[in-house]
């Protein structure tokens, strides 16, 4: 049972770290081209569990704040992610 909790924690940390690094890479590599080029990967990372890190990194780095879809859907997905993580750590999804 402890192994599953550790595995679940590592997954959450890895997805959030990837989301933060990807948002930072988008901001640093912004050359004025297509501004919606990375939205698909950002949303996919958010759906996989990194919504909180993606939203906070976009907010603190002040990048893509004018994109209403990201600024509305990322907090909603973040709340759903936190709720699912709470259920996962509480043991509802851990079948043994």
PDB file of N, CA and C in Angstrom:
ATOM      1  N   UNK A   1       0.818  -1.196   0.000  1.00  0.00           N
ATOM      2  CA  UNK A   1       0.000   0.000   0.000  1.00  0.00           C
ATOM      3  C   UNK A   1       0.864   1.263   0.000  1.00  0.00           C
ATOM      4  N   UNK A   2       1.935   1.230   0.751  1.00  0.00           N
ATOM      5  CA  UNK A   2       2.830   2.388   0.808  1.00  0.00           C
ATOM      6  C   UNK A   2       3.469   2.617  -0.555  1.00  0.00           C
ATOM      7  N   UNK A   3       3.784   1.536  -1.255  1.00  0.00           N
ATOM      8  CA  UNK A   3       4.377   1.660  -2.583  1.00  0.00           C
ATOM      9  C   UNK A   3       3.451   2.412  -3.538  1.00  0.00           C
ATOM     10  N   UNK A   4       2.153   2.148  -3.456  1.00  0.00           N
ATOM     11  CA  UNK A   4       1.201   2.840  -4.322  1.00  0.00           C
ATOM     12  C   UNK A   4       1.113   4.322  -3.987  1.00  0.00           C
ATOM     13  N   UNK A   5       1.160   4.659  -2.703  1.00  0.00           N
ATOM     14  CA  UNK A   5       1.162   6.065  -2.317  1.00  0.00           C
ATOM     15  C   UNK A   5       2.413   6.779  -2.830  1.00  0.00           C
ATOM     16  N   UNK A   6       3.567   6.118  -2.723  1.00  0.00           N
ATOM     17  CA  UNK A   6       4.816   6.704  -3.218  1.00  0.00           C
ATOM     18  C   UNK A   6       4.758   6.855  -4.730  1.00  0.00           C
ATOM     19  N   UNK A   7       4.266   5.848  -5.418  1.00  0.00           N
ATOM     20  CA  UNK A   7       4.143   5.908  -6.867  1.00  0.00           C
ATOM     21  C   UNK A   7       3.190   7.027  -7.304  1.00  0.00           C
ATOM     22  N   UNK A   8       2.079   7.164  -6.618  1.00  0.00           N
ATOM     23  CA  UNK A   8       1.104   8.212  -6.902  1.00  0.00           C
ATOM     24  C   UNK A   8       1.708   9.588  -6.642  1.00  0.00           C
ATOM     25  N   UNK A   9       2.467   9.735  -5.569  1.00  0.00           N
ATOM     26  CA  UNK A   9       3.123  11.008  -5.249  1.00  0.00           C
ATOM     27  C   UNK A   9       4.164  11.374  -6.290  1.00  0.00           C
ATOM     28  N   UNK A  10       4.952  10.409  -6.720  1.00  0.00           N
ATOM     29  CA  UNK A  10       5.966  10.670  -7.740  1.00  0.00           C
ATOM     30  C   UNK A  10       5.308  11.075  -9.051  1.00  0.00           C
ATOM     31  N   UNK A  11       4.199  10.434  -9.400  1.00  0.00           N
ATOM     32  CA  UNK A  11       3.474  10.802 -10.618  1.00  0.00           C
ATOM     33  C   UNK A  11       2.985  12.247 -10.541  1.00  0.00           C
ATOM     34  N   UNK A  12       2.387  12.631  -9.423  1.00  0.00           N
ATOM     35  CA  UNK A  12       1.878  13.992  -9.263  1.00  0.00           C
ATOM     36  C   UNK A  12       3.016  15.002  -9.367  1.00  0.00           C
ATOM     37  N   UNK A  13       4.112  14.735  -8.688  1.00  0.00           N
ATOM     38  CA  UNK A  13       5.256  15.642  -8.736  1.00  0.00           C
ATOM     39  C   UNK A  13       5.845  15.742 -10.141  1.00  0.00           C
ATOM     40  N   UNK A  14       5.929  14.624 -10.841  1.00  0.00           N
ATOM     41  CA  UNK A  14       6.510  14.623 -12.185  1.00  0.00           C
ATOM     42  C   UNK A  14       5.648  15.407 -13.173  1.00  0.00           C
ATOM     43  N   UNK A  15       4.347  15.219 -13.118  1.00  0.00           N
ATOM     44  CA  UNK A  15       3.460  15.926 -14.048  1.00  0.00           C
ATOM     45  C   UNK A  15       3.465  17.426 -13.749  1.00  0.00           C
ATOM     46  N   UNK A  16       3.450  17.792 -12.472  1.00  0.00           N
ATOM     47  CA  UNK A  16       3.492  19.205 -12.126  1.00  0.00           C
ATOM     48  C   UNK A  16       4.824  19.836 -12.507  1.00  0.00           C
ATOM     49  N   UNK A  17       5.917  19.123 -12.327  1.00  0.00           N
ATOM     50  CA  UNK A  17       7.225  19.637 -12.714  1.00  0.00           C
ATOM     51  C   UNK A  17       7.294  19.831 -14.227  1.00  0.00           C
ATOM     52  N   UNK A  18       6.780  18.855 -14.985  1.00  0.00           N
ATOM     53  CA  UNK A  18       6.760  18.982 -16.441  1.00  0.00           C
ATOM     54  C   UNK A  18       5.906  20.169 -16.877  1.00  0.00           C
ATOM     55  N   UNK A  19       4.757  20.351 -16.238  1.00  0.00           N
ATOM     56  CA  UNK A  19       3.889  21.479 -16.579  1.00  0.00           C
ATOM     57  C   UNK A  19       4.561  22.816 -16.321  1.00  0.00           C
ATOM     58  N   UNK A  20       5.261  22.926 -15.199  1.00  0.00           N
ATOM     59  CA  UNK A  20       5.980  24.158 -14.900  1.00  0.00           C
ATOM     60  C   UNK A  20       7.087  24.405 -15.907  1.00  0.00           C
ATOM     61  N   UNK A  21       7.869  23.375 -16.198  1.00  0.00           N
ATOM     62  CA  UNK A  21       8.986  23.531 -17.139  1.00  0.00           C
ATOM     63  C   UNK A  21       8.482  23.852 -18.555  1.00  0.00           C
ATOM     64  N   UNK A  22       7.380  23.252 -18.948  1.00  0.00           N
ATOM     65  CA  UNK A  22       6.846  23.514 -20.287  1.00  0.00           C
ATOM     66  C   UNK A  22       6.319  24.944 -20.399  1.00  0.00           C
ATOM     67  N   UNK A  23       5.637  25.429 -19.361  1.00  0.00           N
ATOM     68  CA  UNK A  23       5.156  26.807 -19.382  1.00  0.00           C
ATOM     69  C   UNK A  23       6.328  27.786 -19.401  1.00  0.00           C
ATOM     70  N   UNK A  24       7.381  27.479 -18.665  1.00  0.00           N
ATOM     71  CA  UNK A  24       8.567  28.338 -18.666  1.00  0.00           C
ATOM     72  C   UNK A  24       9.260  28.302 -20.025  1.00  0.00           C
ATOM     73  N   UNK A  25       9.320  27.131 -20.638  1.00  0.00           N
ATOM     74  CA  UNK A  25       9.935  27.024 -21.964  1.00  0.00           C
ATOM     75  C   UNK A  25       9.128  27.791 -23.010  1.00  0.00           C
ATOM     76  N   UNK A  26       7.810  27.761 -22.902  1.00  0.00           N
ATOM     77  CA  UNK A  26       6.978  28.537 -23.820  1.00  0.00           C
ATOM     78  C   UNK A  26       7.219  30.028 -23.649  1.00  0.00           C
ATOM     79  N   UNK A  27       7.328  30.467 -22.399  1.00  0.00           N
ATOM     80  CA  UNK A  27       7.556  31.882 -22.157  1.00  0.00           C
ATOM     81  C   UNK A  27       8.929  32.314 -22.658  1.00  0.00           C
ATOM     82  N   UNK A  28       9.948  31.517 -22.403  1.00  0.00           N
ATOM     83  CA  UNK A  28      11.304  31.888 -22.809  1.00  0.00           C
ATOM     84  C   UNK A  28      11.501  31.796 -24.314  1.00  0.00           C
ATOM     85  N   UNK A  29      10.786  30.912 -24.965  1.00  0.00           N
ATOM     86  CA  UNK A  29      10.941  30.740 -26.403  1.00  0.00           C
ATOM     87  C   UNK A  29       9.947  31.525 -27.219  1.00  0.00           C
ATOM     88  N   UNK A  30       9.237  32.434 -26.594  1.00  0.00           N
ATOM     89  CA  UNK A  30       8.228  33.211 -27.306  1.00  0.00           C
ATOM     90  C   UNK A  30       8.916  34.203 -28.232  1.00  0.00           C
ATOM     91  N   UNK A  31       8.743  33.998 -29.515  1.00  0.00           N
ATOM     92  CA  UNK A  31       9.385  34.865 -30.500  1.00  0.00           C
ATOM     93  C   UNK A  31       8.385  35.738 -31.243  1.00  0.00           C
ATOM     94  N   UNK A  32       7.178  35.836 -30.736  1.00  0.00           N
ATOM     95  CA  UNK A  32       6.186  36.676 -31.395  1.00  0.00           C
ATOM     96  C   UNK A  32       5.439  35.976 -32.497  1.00  0.00           C
ATOM     97  N   UNK A  33       5.609  34.676 -32.633  1.00  0.00           N
ATOM     98  CA  UNK A  33       4.924  33.922 -33.676  1.00  0.00           C
ATOM     99  C   UNK A  33       3.504  33.590 -33.269  1.00  0.00           C
ATOM    100  N   UNK A  34       3.073  32.390 -33.562  1.00  0.00           N
ATOM    101  CA  UNK A  34       1.724  31.952 -33.221  1.00  0.00           C
ATOM    102  C   UNK A  34       1.614  31.834 -31.710  1.00  0.00           C
ATOM    103  N   UNK A  35       0.738  32.607 -31.105  1.00  0.00           N
ATOM    104  CA  UNK A  35       0.640  32.624 -29.643  1.00  0.00           C
ATOM    105  C   UNK A  35      -0.142  31.435 -29.097  1.00  0.00           C
ATOM    106  N   UNK A  36      -0.850  30.706 -29.938  1.00  0.00           N
ATOM    107  CA  UNK A  36      -1.637  29.577 -29.465  1.00  0.00           C
ATOM    108  C   UNK A  36      -0.959  28.240 -29.773  1.00  0.00           C
ATOM    109  N   UNK A  37       0.328  28.255 -30.039  1.00  0.00           N
ATOM    110  CA  UNK A  37       1.017  27.046 -30.449  1.00  0.00           C
ATOM    111  C   UNK A  37       1.093  26.009 -29.339  1.00  0.00           C
ATOM    112  N   UNK A  38       1.236  26.420 -28.087  1.00  0.00           N
ATOM    113  CA  UNK A  38       1.427  25.475 -27.002  1.00  0.00           C
ATOM    114  C   UNK A  38       0.214  25.212 -26.150  1.00  0.00           C
ATOM    115  N   UNK A  39      -0.943  25.717 -26.529  1.00  0.00           N
ATOM    116  CA  UNK A  39      -2.134  25.540 -25.701  1.00  0.00           C
ATOM    117  C   UNK A  39      -2.546  24.085 -25.576  1.00  0.00           C
ATOM    118  N   UNK A  40      -2.385  23.316 -26.620  1.00  0.00           N
ATOM    119  CA  UNK A  40      -2.793  21.905 -26.573  1.00  0.00           C
ATOM    120  C   UNK A  40      -1.997  21.112 -25.564  1.00  0.00           C
ATOM    121  N   UNK A  41      -0.687  21.288 -25.553  1.00  0.00           N
ATOM    122  CA  UNK A  41       0.139  20.571 -24.589  1.00  0.00           C
ATOM    123  C   UNK A  41      -0.090  21.072 -23.173  1.00  0.00           C
ATOM    124  N   UNK A  42      -0.349  22.370 -23.019  1.00  0.00           N
ATOM    125  CA  UNK A  42      -0.640  22.898 -21.683  1.00  0.00           C
ATOM    126  C   UNK A  42      -1.936  22.307 -21.131  1.00  0.00           C
ATOM    127  N   UNK A  43      -2.953  22.225 -21.960  1.00  0.00           N
ATOM    128  CA  UNK A  43      -4.229  21.667 -21.512  1.00  0.00           C
ATOM    129  C   UNK A  43      -4.090  20.168 -21.241  1.00  0.00           C
ATOM    130  N   UNK A  44      -3.338  19.462 -22.088  1.00  0.00           N
ATOM    131  CA  UNK A  44      -3.118  18.033 -21.860  1.00  0.00           C
ATOM    132  C   UNK A  44      -2.369  17.798 -20.555  1.00  0.00           C
ATOM    133  N   UNK A  45      -1.355  18.592 -20.298  1.00  0.00           N
ATOM    134  CA  UNK A  45      -0.630  18.478 -19.036  1.00  0.00           C
ATOM    135  C   UNK A  45      -1.547  18.784 -17.859  1.00  0.00           C
ATOM    136  N   UNK A  46      -2.413  19.759 -18.019  1.00  0.00           N
ATOM    137  CA  UNK A  46      -3.362  20.092 -16.956  1.00  0.00           C
ATOM    138  C   UNK A  46      -4.333  18.946 -16.704  1.00  0.00           C
ATOM    139  N   UNK A  47      -4.813  18.318 -17.761  1.00  0.00           N
ATOM    140  CA  UNK A  47      -5.739  17.208 -17.595  1.00  0.00           C
ATOM    141  C   UNK A  47      -5.078  15.983 -16.974  1.00  0.00           C
ATOM    142  N   UNK A  48      -3.787  15.811 -17.208  1.00  0.00           N
ATOM    143  CA  UNK A  48      -3.075  14.674 -16.631  1.00  0.00           C
ATOM    144  C   UNK A  48      -2.732  14.876 -15.164  1.00  0.00           C
ATOM    145  N   UNK A  49      -2.947  16.075 -14.639  1.00  0.00           N
ATOM    146  CA  UNK A  49      -2.732  16.291 -13.216  1.00  0.00           C
ATOM    147  C   UNK A  49      -1.848  17.464 -12.881  1.00  0.00           C
ATOM    148  N   UNK A  50      -1.436  18.239 -13.852  1.00  0.00           N
ATOM    149  CA  UNK A  50      -0.547  19.349 -13.580  1.00  0.00           C
ATOM    150  C   UNK A  50      -1.185  20.705 -13.717  1.00  0.00           C
ATOM    151  N   UNK A  51      -2.477  20.794 -13.524  1.00  0.00           N
ATOM    152  CA  UNK A  51      -3.188  22.049 -13.744  1.00  0.00           C
ATOM    153  C   UNK A  51      -2.774  23.122 -12.761  1.00  0.00           C
ATOM    154  N   UNK A  52      -2.531  22.742 -11.526  1.00  0.00           N
ATOM    155  CA  UNK A  52      -2.167  23.724 -10.517  1.00  0.00           C
ATOM    156  C   UNK A  52      -0.815  24.350 -10.830  1.00  0.00           C
ATOM    157  N   UNK A  53       0.151  23.537 -11.210  1.00  0.00           N
ATOM    158  CA  UNK A  53       1.479  24.064 -11.541  1.00  0.00           C
ATOM    159  C   UNK A  53       1.443  24.902 -12.808  1.00  0.00           C
ATOM    160  N   UNK A  54       0.683  24.483 -13.801  1.00  0.00           N
ATOM    161  CA  UNK A  54       0.594  25.250 -15.046  1.00  0.00           C
ATOM    162  C   UNK A  54      -0.074  26.595 -14.788  1.00  0.00           C
ATOM    163  N   UNK A  55      -1.168  26.591 -14.051  1.00  0.00           N
ATOM    164  CA  UNK A  55      -1.886  27.842 -13.787  1.00  0.00           C
ATOM    165  C   UNK A  55      -1.032  28.801 -12.962  1.00  0.00           C
ATOM    166  N   UNK A  56      -0.405  28.299 -11.903  1.00  0.00           N
ATOM    167  CA  UNK A  56       0.413  29.175 -11.072  1.00  0.00           C
ATOM    168  C   UNK A  56       1.648  29.679 -11.796  1.00  0.00           C
ATOM    169  N   UNK A  57       2.238  28.843 -12.638  1.00  0.00           N
ATOM    170  CA  UNK A  57       3.412  29.307 -13.384  1.00  0.00           C
ATOM    171  C   UNK A  57       3.021  30.364 -14.417  1.00  0.00           C
ATOM    172  N   UNK A  58       1.887  30.198 -15.078  1.00  0.00           N
ATOM    173  CA  UNK A  58       1.430  31.225 -16.017  1.00  0.00           C
ATOM    174  C   UNK A  58       1.094  32.520 -15.280  1.00  0.00           C
ATOM    175  N   UNK A  59       0.540  32.393 -14.086  1.00  0.00           N
ATOM    176  CA  UNK A  59       0.150  33.564 -13.317  1.00  0.00           C
ATOM    177  C   UNK A  59       1.372  34.306 -12.782  1.00  0.00           C
ATOM    178  N   UNK A  60       2.324  33.594 -12.201  1.00  0.00           N
ATOM    179  CA  UNK A  60       3.487  34.248 -11.600  1.00  0.00           C
ATOM    180  C   UNK A  60       4.485  34.751 -12.639  1.00  0.00           C
ATOM    181  N   UNK A  61       4.565  34.083 -13.788  1.00  0.00           N
ATOM    182  CA  UNK A  61       5.465  34.555 -14.837  1.00  0.00           C
ATOM    183  C   UNK A  61       4.798  35.591 -15.741  1.00  0.00           C
ATOM    184  N   UNK A  62       3.515  35.864 -15.487  1.00  0.00           N
ATOM    185  CA  UNK A  62       2.735  36.832 -16.260  1.00  0.00           C
ATOM    186  C   UNK A  62       2.794  36.548 -17.757  1.00  0.00           C
ATOM    187  N   UNK A  63       2.539  35.308 -18.074  1.00  0.00           N
ATOM    188  CA  UNK A  63       2.566  34.869 -19.469  1.00  0.00           C
ATOM    189  C   UNK A  63       1.205  34.308 -19.834  1.00  0.00           C
ATOM    190  N   UNK A  64       0.685  34.698 -20.953  1.00  0.00           N
ATOM    191  CA  UNK A  64      -0.589  34.234 -21.514  1.00  0.00           C
ATOM    192  C   UNK A  64      -1.780  34.574 -20.616  1.00  0.00           C
ATOM    193  N   UNK A  65      -1.726  35.702 -19.935  1.00  0.00           N
ATOM    194  CA  UNK A  65      -2.836  36.104 -19.089  1.00  0.00           C
ATOM    195  C   UNK A  65      -4.031  36.593 -19.900  1.00  0.00           C
ATOM    196  N   UNK A  66      -3.812  36.921 -21.165  1.00  0.00           N
ATOM    197  CA  UNK A  66      -4.912  37.393 -22.006  1.00  0.00           C
ATOM    198  C   UNK A  66      -5.693  36.253 -22.646  1.00  0.00           C
ATOM    199  N   UNK A  67      -5.247  35.013 -22.483  1.00  0.00           N
ATOM    200  CA  UNK A  67      -5.958  33.867 -23.033  1.00  0.00           C
ATOM    201  C   UNK A  67      -7.078  33.473 -22.065  1.00  0.00           C
ATOM    202  N   UNK A  68      -8.297  33.809 -22.413  1.00  0.00           N
ATOM    203  CA  UNK A  68      -9.422  33.566 -21.512  1.00  0.00           C
ATOM    204  C   UNK A  68      -9.704  32.080 -21.313  1.00  0.00           C
ATOM    205  N   UNK A  69      -9.466  31.267 -22.336  1.00  0.00           N
ATOM    206  CA  UNK A  69      -9.731  29.836 -22.163  1.00  0.00           C
ATOM    207  C   UNK A  69      -8.792  29.237 -21.116  1.00  0.00           C
ATOM    208  N   UNK A  70      -7.516  29.623 -21.150  1.00  0.00           N
ATOM    209  CA  UNK A  70      -6.586  29.104 -20.149  1.00  0.00           C
ATOM    210  C   UNK A  70      -6.893  29.650 -18.765  1.00  0.00           C
ATOM    211  N   UNK A  71      -7.237  30.909 -18.669  1.00  0.00           N
ATOM    212  CA  UNK A  71      -7.473  31.523 -17.362  1.00  0.00           C
ATOM    213  C   UNK A  71      -8.806  31.088 -16.748  1.00  0.00           C
ATOM    214  N   UNK A  72      -9.709  30.552 -17.531  1.00  0.00           N
ATOM    215  CA  UNK A  72     -10.974  30.052 -16.976  1.00  0.00           C
ATOM    216  C   UNK A  72     -10.903  28.555 -16.722  1.00  0.00           C
ATOM    217  N   UNK A  73     -10.396  27.784 -17.686  1.00  0.00           N
ATOM    218  CA  UNK A  73     -10.427  26.336 -17.561  1.00  0.00           C
ATOM    219  C   UNK A  73      -9.341  25.765 -16.666  1.00  0.00           C
ATOM    220  N   UNK A  74      -8.184  26.394 -16.580  1.00  0.00           N
ATOM    221  CA  UNK A  74      -7.118  25.849 -15.740  1.00  0.00           C
ATOM    222  C   UNK A  74      -7.480  25.835 -14.249  1.00  0.00           C
ATOM    223  N   UNK A  75      -8.082  26.885 -13.683  1.00  0.00           N
ATOM    224  CA  UNK A  75      -8.491  26.767 -12.275  1.00  0.00           C
ATOM    225  C   UNK A  75      -9.571  25.708 -12.045  1.00  0.00           C
ATOM    226  N   UNK A  76     -10.482  25.561 -13.009  1.00  0.00           N
ATOM    227  CA  UNK A  76     -11.521  24.529 -12.873  1.00  0.00           C
ATOM    228  C   UNK A  76     -10.892  23.144 -12.895  1.00  0.00           C
ATOM    229  N   UNK A  77      -9.980  22.926 -13.820  1.00  0.00           N
ATOM    230  CA  UNK A  77      -9.284  21.637 -13.894  1.00  0.00           C
ATOM    231  C   UNK A  77      -8.418  21.426 -12.657  1.00  0.00           C
ATOM    232  N   UNK A  78      -7.831  22.507 -12.126  1.00  0.00           N
ATOM    233  CA  UNK A  78      -7.001  22.390 -10.919  1.00  0.00           C
ATOM    234  C   UNK A  78      -7.833  21.948  -9.721  1.00  0.00           C
ATOM    235  N   UNK A  79      -9.030  22.469  -9.592  1.00  0.00           N
ATOM    236  CA  UNK A  79      -9.908  22.048  -8.486  1.00  0.00           C
ATOM    237  C   UNK A  79     -10.275  20.576  -8.641  1.00  0.00           C
ATOM    238  N   UNK A  80     -10.572  20.156  -9.859  1.00  0.00           N
ATOM    239  CA  UNK A  80     -10.880  18.740 -10.092  1.00  0.00           C
ATOM    240  C   UNK A  80      -9.662  17.851  -9.812  1.00  0.00           C
ATOM    241  N   UNK A  81      -8.467  18.319 -10.184  1.00  0.00           N
ATOM    242  CA  UNK A  81      -7.250  17.555  -9.910  1.00  0.00           C
ATOM    243  C   UNK A  81      -7.007  17.407  -8.410  1.00  0.00           C
ATOM    244  N   UNK A  82      -7.158  18.497  -7.675  1.00  0.00           N
ATOM    245  CA  UNK A  82      -6.942  18.439  -6.226  1.00  0.00           C
ATOM    246  C   UNK A  82      -7.951  17.507  -5.576  1.00  0.00           C
ATOM    247  N   UNK A  83      -9.186  17.541  -6.028  1.00  0.00           N
ATOM    248  CA  UNK A  83     -10.210  16.634  -5.490  1.00  0.00           C
ATOM    249  C   UNK A  83      -9.870  15.174  -5.795  1.00  0.00           C
ATOM    250  N   UNK A  84      -9.435  14.892  -7.021  1.00  0.00           N
ATOM    251  CA  UNK A  84      -9.051  13.520  -7.381  1.00  0.00           C
ATOM    252  C   UNK A  84      -7.816  13.067  -6.608  1.00  0.00           C
ATOM    253  N   UNK A  85      -6.863  13.974  -6.382  1.00  0.00           N
ATOM    254  CA  UNK A  85      -5.691  13.612  -5.582  1.00  0.00           C
ATOM    255  C   UNK A  85      -6.092  13.327  -4.142  1.00  0.00           C
ATOM    256  N   UNK A  86      -7.018  14.114  -3.608  1.00  0.00           N
ATOM    257  CA  UNK A  86      -7.516  13.878  -2.261  1.00  0.00           C
ATOM    258  C   UNK A  86      -8.173  12.505  -2.166  1.00  0.00           C
ATOM    259  N   UNK A  87      -8.989  12.159  -3.146  1.00  0.00           N
ATOM    260  CA  UNK A  87      -9.619  10.839  -3.138  1.00  0.00           C
ATOM    261  C   UNK A  87      -8.585   9.728  -3.286  1.00  0.00           C
ATOM    262  N   UNK A  88      -7.568   9.973  -4.110  1.00  0.00           N
ATOM    263  CA  UNK A  88      -6.523   8.974  -4.301  1.00  0.00           C
ATOM    264  C   UNK A  88      -5.714   8.729  -3.049  1.00  0.00           C
ATOM    265  N   UNK A  89      -5.376   9.779  -2.343  1.00  0.00           N
ATOM    266  CA  UNK A  89      -4.599   9.616  -1.118  1.00  0.00           C
ATOM    267  C   UNK A  89      -5.452   9.124   0.041  1.00  0.00           C
ATOM    268  N   UNK A  90      -6.727   9.364  -0.058  1.00  0.00           N
ATOM    269  CA  UNK A  90      -7.619   8.861   0.977  1.00  0.00           C
ATOM    270  C   UNK A  90      -7.825   7.361   0.850  1.00  0.00           C
ATOM    271  N   UNK A  91      -7.565   6.832  -0.327  1.00  0.00           N
ATOM    272  CA  UNK A  91      -7.619   5.392  -0.474  1.00  0.00           C
ATOM    273  C   UNK A  91      -8.778   4.874  -1.279  1.00  0.00           C
ATOM    274  N   UNK A  92      -9.567   5.743  -1.877  1.00  0.00           N
ATOM    275  CA  UNK A  92     -10.730   5.273  -2.629  1.00  0.00           C
ATOM    276  C   UNK A  92     -10.292   4.560  -3.899  1.00  0.00           C
ATOM    277  N   UNK A  93      -9.234   5.062  -4.561  1.00  0.00           N
ATOM    278  CA  UNK A  93      -8.802   4.449  -5.800  1.00  0.00           C
ATOM    279  C   UNK A  93      -7.757   3.359  -5.601  1.00  0.00           C
ATOM    280  N   UNK A  94      -7.311   3.153  -4.395  1.00  0.00           N
ATOM    281  CA  UNK A  94      -6.268   2.158  -4.120  1.00  0.00           C
ATOM    282  C   UNK A  94      -6.942   0.838  -3.707  1.00  0.00           C
ATOM    283  N   UNK A  95      -6.996  -0.081  -4.634  1.00  0.00           N
ATOM    284  CA  UNK A  95      -7.635  -1.367  -4.373  1.00  0.00           C
ATOM    285  C   UNK A  95      -6.580  -2.404  -4.038  1.00  0.00           C
ATOM    286  N   UNK A  96      -6.611  -2.939  -2.865  1.00  0.00           N
ATOM    287  CA  UNK A  96      -5.710  -4.023  -2.472  1.00  0.00           C
ATOM    288  C   UNK A  96      -6.447  -5.052  -1.658  1.00  0.00           C
TER     289      UNK A  96
END
